[in-house]
C-alpha atoms as a PDB file:
ATOM      1  CA  UNK A   1      25.408  24.808   9.396  1.00  0.00           C
ATOM      2  CA  UNK A   2      27.280  21.803  11.511  1.00  0.00           C
ATOM      3  CA  UNK A   3      30.661  21.483  11.724  1.00  0.00           C
ATOM      4  CA  UNK A   4      30.679  17.785  12.015  1.00  0.00           C
ATOM      5  CA  UNK A   5      28.982  17.669   8.496  1.00  0.00           C
ATOM      6  CA  UNK A   6      32.066  19.394   7.012  1.00  0.00           C
ATOM      7  CA  UNK A   7      34.356  17.183   9.336  1.00  0.00           C
ATOM      8  CA  UNK A   8      32.680  13.674   7.732  1.00  0.00           C
ATOM      9  CA  UNK A   9      33.091  15.470   4.157  1.00  0.00           C
ATOM     10  CA  UNK A  10      37.135  15.999   4.743  1.00  0.00           C
ATOM     11  CA  UNK A  11      37.598  12.711   6.151  1.00  0.00           C
ATOM     12  CA  UNK A  12      35.569  11.218   3.395  1.00  0.00           C
ATOM     13  CA  UNK A  13      37.579  12.894   0.653  1.00  0.00           C
ATOM     14  CA  UNK A  14      41.086  11.380   2.086  1.00  0.00           C
ATOM     15  CA  UNK A  15      39.532   7.874   2.801  1.00  0.00           C
ATOM     16  CA  UNK A  16      40.765   6.297  -0.644  1.00  0.00           C
ATOM     17  CA  UNK A  17      44.065   7.575  -0.164  1.00  0.00           C
ATOM     18  CA  UNK A  18      44.448   5.892   3.449  1.00  0.00           C
ATOM     19  CA  UNK A  19      43.455   2.951   2.157  1.00  0.00           C
ATOM     20  CA  UNK A  20      45.516   2.907  -0.575  1.00  0.00           C
ATOM     21  CA  UNK A  21      48.260   3.710   1.765  1.00  0.00           C
ATOM     22  CA  UNK A  22      47.343   0.865   4.244  1.00  0.00           C
ATOM     23  CA  UNK A  23      47.626  -1.449   1.567  1.00  0.00           C
ATOM     24  CA  UNK A  24      50.876  -0.468  -0.020  1.00  0.00           C
ATOM     25  CA  UNK A  25      52.444  -1.729   3.164  1.00  0.00           C
ATOM     26  CA  UNK A  26      51.455  -5.308   2.195  1.00  0.00           C
ATOM     27  CA  UNK A  27      48.532  -7.362   1.963  1.00  0.00           C
ATOM     28  CA  UNK A  28      45.721  -6.160   4.041  1.00  0.00           C
ATOM     29  CA  UNK A  29      42.551  -7.750   5.488  1.00  0.00           C
ATOM     30  CA  UNK A  30      39.488  -5.454   5.332  1.00  0.00           C
ATOM     31  CA  UNK A  31      39.230  -5.785   8.988  1.00  0.00           C
ATOM     32  CA  UNK A  32      42.510  -4.969   9.835  1.00  0.00           C
ATOM     33  CA  UNK A  33      42.195  -2.013   7.425  1.00  0.00           C
ATOM     34  CA  UNK A  34      38.507  -1.050   9.466  1.00  0.00           C
ATOM     35  CA  UNK A  35      40.402  -1.430  12.760  1.00  0.00           C
ATOM     36  CA  UNK A  36      43.450   0.721  11.496  1.00  0.00           C
ATOM     37  CA  UNK A  37      41.220   3.776  10.157  1.00  0.00           C
ATOM     38  CA  UNK A  38      38.555   3.747  13.453  1.00  0.00           C
ATOM     39  CA  UNK A  39      41.979   4.057  15.345  1.00  0.00           C
ATOM     40  CA  UNK A  40      43.360   7.166  13.371  1.00  0.00           C
ATOM     41  CA  UNK A  41      39.483   8.597  13.896  1.00  0.00           C
ATOM     42  CA  UNK A  42      38.842   7.853  10.307  1.00  0.00           C
ATOM     43  CA  UNK A  43      35.340   7.033  11.767  1.00  0.00           C
ATOM     44  CA  UNK A  44      34.706   4.427   8.649  1.00  0.00           C
ATOM     45  CA  UNK A  45      32.105   1.342   8.858  1.00  0.00           C
ATOM     46  CA  UNK A  46      31.858  -1.542   6.858  1.00  0.00           C
ATOM     47  CA  UNK A  47      29.300  -0.335   4.729  1.00  0.00           C
ATOM     48  CA  UNK A  48      31.677   2.430   3.481  1.00  0.00           C
ATOM     49  CA  UNK A  49      34.892   0.402   3.321  1.00  0.00           C
ATOM     50  CA  UNK A  50      33.674  -2.643   1.249  1.00  0.00           C
ATOM     51  CA  UNK A  51      32.053  -0.523  -1.526  1.00  0.00           C
ATOM     52  CA  UNK A  52      35.211   1.362  -1.708  1.00  0.00           C
ATOM     53  CA  UNK A  53      37.394  -1.354  -2.102  1.00  0.00           C
ATOM     54  CA  UNK A  54      35.293  -3.137  -4.884  1.00  0.00           C
ATOM     55  CA  UNK A  55      35.460   0.213  -6.809  1.00  0.00           C
ATOM     56  CA  UNK A  56      39.276   0.199  -6.480  1.00  0.00           C
ATOM     57  CA  UNK A  57      39.618  -3.443  -7.590  1.00  0.00           C
ATOM     58  CA  UNK A  58      37.134  -2.447 -10.616  1.00  0.00           C
ATOM     59  CA  UNK A  59      39.231   0.456 -11.145  1.00  0.00           C
ATOM     60  CA  UNK A  60      42.095  -1.963 -11.977  1.00  0.00           C
ATOM     61  CA  UNK A  61      44.044  -0.389  -8.244  1.00  0.00           C
ATOM     62  CA  UNK A  62      43.772  -3.448  -6.226  1.00  0.00           C
ATOM     63  CA  UNK A  63      43.867  -6.958  -6.536  1.00  0.00           C
ATOM     64  CA  UNK A  64      42.962  -9.568  -3.723  1.00  0.00           C
ATOM     65  CA  UNK A  65      43.690 -13.331  -3.131  1.00  0.00           C
ATOM     66  CA  UNK A  66      41.881 -15.644  -0.941  1.00  0.00           C
ATOM     67  CA  UNK A  67      43.831 -17.038   2.005  1.00  0.00           C
ATOM     68  CA  UNK A  68      43.075 -19.845   4.031  1.00  0.00           C
ATOM     69  CA  UNK A  69      42.217 -19.207   7.623  1.00  0.00           C
ATOM     70  CA  UNK A  70      42.811 -21.270  10.572  1.00  0.00           C
ATOM     71  CA  UNK A  71      40.242 -19.101  12.561  1.00  0.00           C
ATOM     72  CA  UNK A  72      37.151 -19.732   9.985  1.00  0.00           C
ATOM     73  CA  UNK A  73      36.356 -19.016   6.667  1.00  0.00           C
ATOM     74  CA  UNK A  74      38.990 -18.429   4.096  1.00  0.00           C
ATOM     75  CA  UNK A  75      39.867 -14.325   4.025  1.00  0.00           C
ATOM     76  CA  UNK A  76      40.189 -11.778   1.123  1.00  0.00           C
ATOM     77  CA  UNK A  77      43.501 -10.114   1.427  1.00  0.00           C
ATOM     78  CA  UNK A  78      43.971  -6.642  -0.950  1.00  0.00           C
ATOM     79  CA  UNK A  79      47.387  -5.961  -2.428  1.00  0.00           C
ATOM     80  CA  UNK A  80      47.724  -2.971  -5.047  1.00  0.00           C
ATOM     81  CA  UNK A  81      48.094  -3.627  -8.486  1.00  0.00           C
ATOM     82  CA  UNK A  82      51.201  -1.595 -10.605  1.00  0.00           C
ATOM     83  CA  UNK A  83      48.257   0.779 -11.606  1.00  0.00           C
ATOM     84  CA  UNK A  84      47.651   1.255  -7.892  1.00  0.00           C
ATOM     85  CA  UNK A  85      51.160   1.923  -7.367  1.00  0.00           C
ATOM     86  CA  UNK A  86      51.361   4.448  -9.890  1.00  0.00           C
ATOM     87  CA  UNK A  87      47.923   5.990  -8.887  1.00  0.00           C
ATOM     88  CA  UNK A  88      49.179   5.896  -4.949  1.00  0.00           C
ATOM     89  CA  UNK A  89      52.201   7.935  -6.046  1.00  0.00           C
ATOM     90  CA  UNK A  90      50.206  10.726  -7.777  1.00  0.00           C
ATOM     91  CA  UNK A  91      47.790  10.886  -4.607  1.00  0.00           C
ATOM     92  CA  UNK A  92      51.144  11.537  -2.658  1.00  0.00           C
ATOM     93  CA  UNK A  93      52.130  14.109  -4.511  1.00  0.00           C
ATOM     94  CA  UNK A  94      48.805  15.639  -4.687  1.00  0.00           C
ATOM     95  CA  UNK A  95      48.732  15.436  -0.889  1.00  0.00           C
ATOM     96  CA  UNK A  96      52.246  16.818  -0.118  1.00  0.00           C
ATOM     97  CA  UNK A  97      50.836  19.942  -2.624  1.00  0.00           C
ATOM     98  CA  UNK A  98      47.507  20.401  -0.479  1.00  0.00           C
ATOM     99  CA  UNK A  99      49.439  20.353   2.823  1.00  0.00           C
ATOM    100  CA  UNK A 100      51.581  22.745   1.941  1.00  0.00           C
ATOM    101  CA  UNK A 101      48.673  24.858   0.270  1.00  0.00           C
ATOM    102  CA  UNK A 102      46.657  24.746   3.585  1.00  0.00           C
ATOM    103  CA  UNK A 103      49.681  25.510   5.516  1.00  0.00           C
ATOM    104  CA  UNK A 104      50.123  28.656   3.483  1.00  0.00           C
ATOM    105  CA  UNK A 105      47.197  29.844   3.922  1.00  0.00           C
ATOM    106  CA  UNK A 106      46.796  28.807   7.618  1.00  0.00           C
ATOM    107  CA  UNK A 107      49.727  30.532   8.519  1.00  0.00           C
ATOM    108  CA  UNK A 108      49.457  33.575   6.065  1.00  0.00           C
ATOM    109  CA  UNK A 109      49.338  37.006   8.243  1.00  0.00           C
ATOM    110  CA  UNK A 110      47.358  39.447   7.832  1.00  0.00           C
ATOM    111  CA  UNK A 111      48.890  42.521   5.703  1.00  0.00           C
END
């Protein structure tokens, strides 16, 4: 078994949460999201991000607006809907619980 496979699966598991957190800070453009996720070593490619954004939009968690750009074609900026904000709050609670549970297991001493 290769550790890289498990690492990729762990990153995939929190990717949606990270994307929602980025968008929660304010309207976000997909290439800016890609840049931030890559900088954070989440190793994301466009072929992963765009389908996920579409799925989140179709689920009613995101909306978008086209904004004219002085550097080319209009850009699609994503923002959270009210449902998306509520969903993110639940994910934050889950994340906090998962981190605490994981730390408990990692730091537990042998009896």
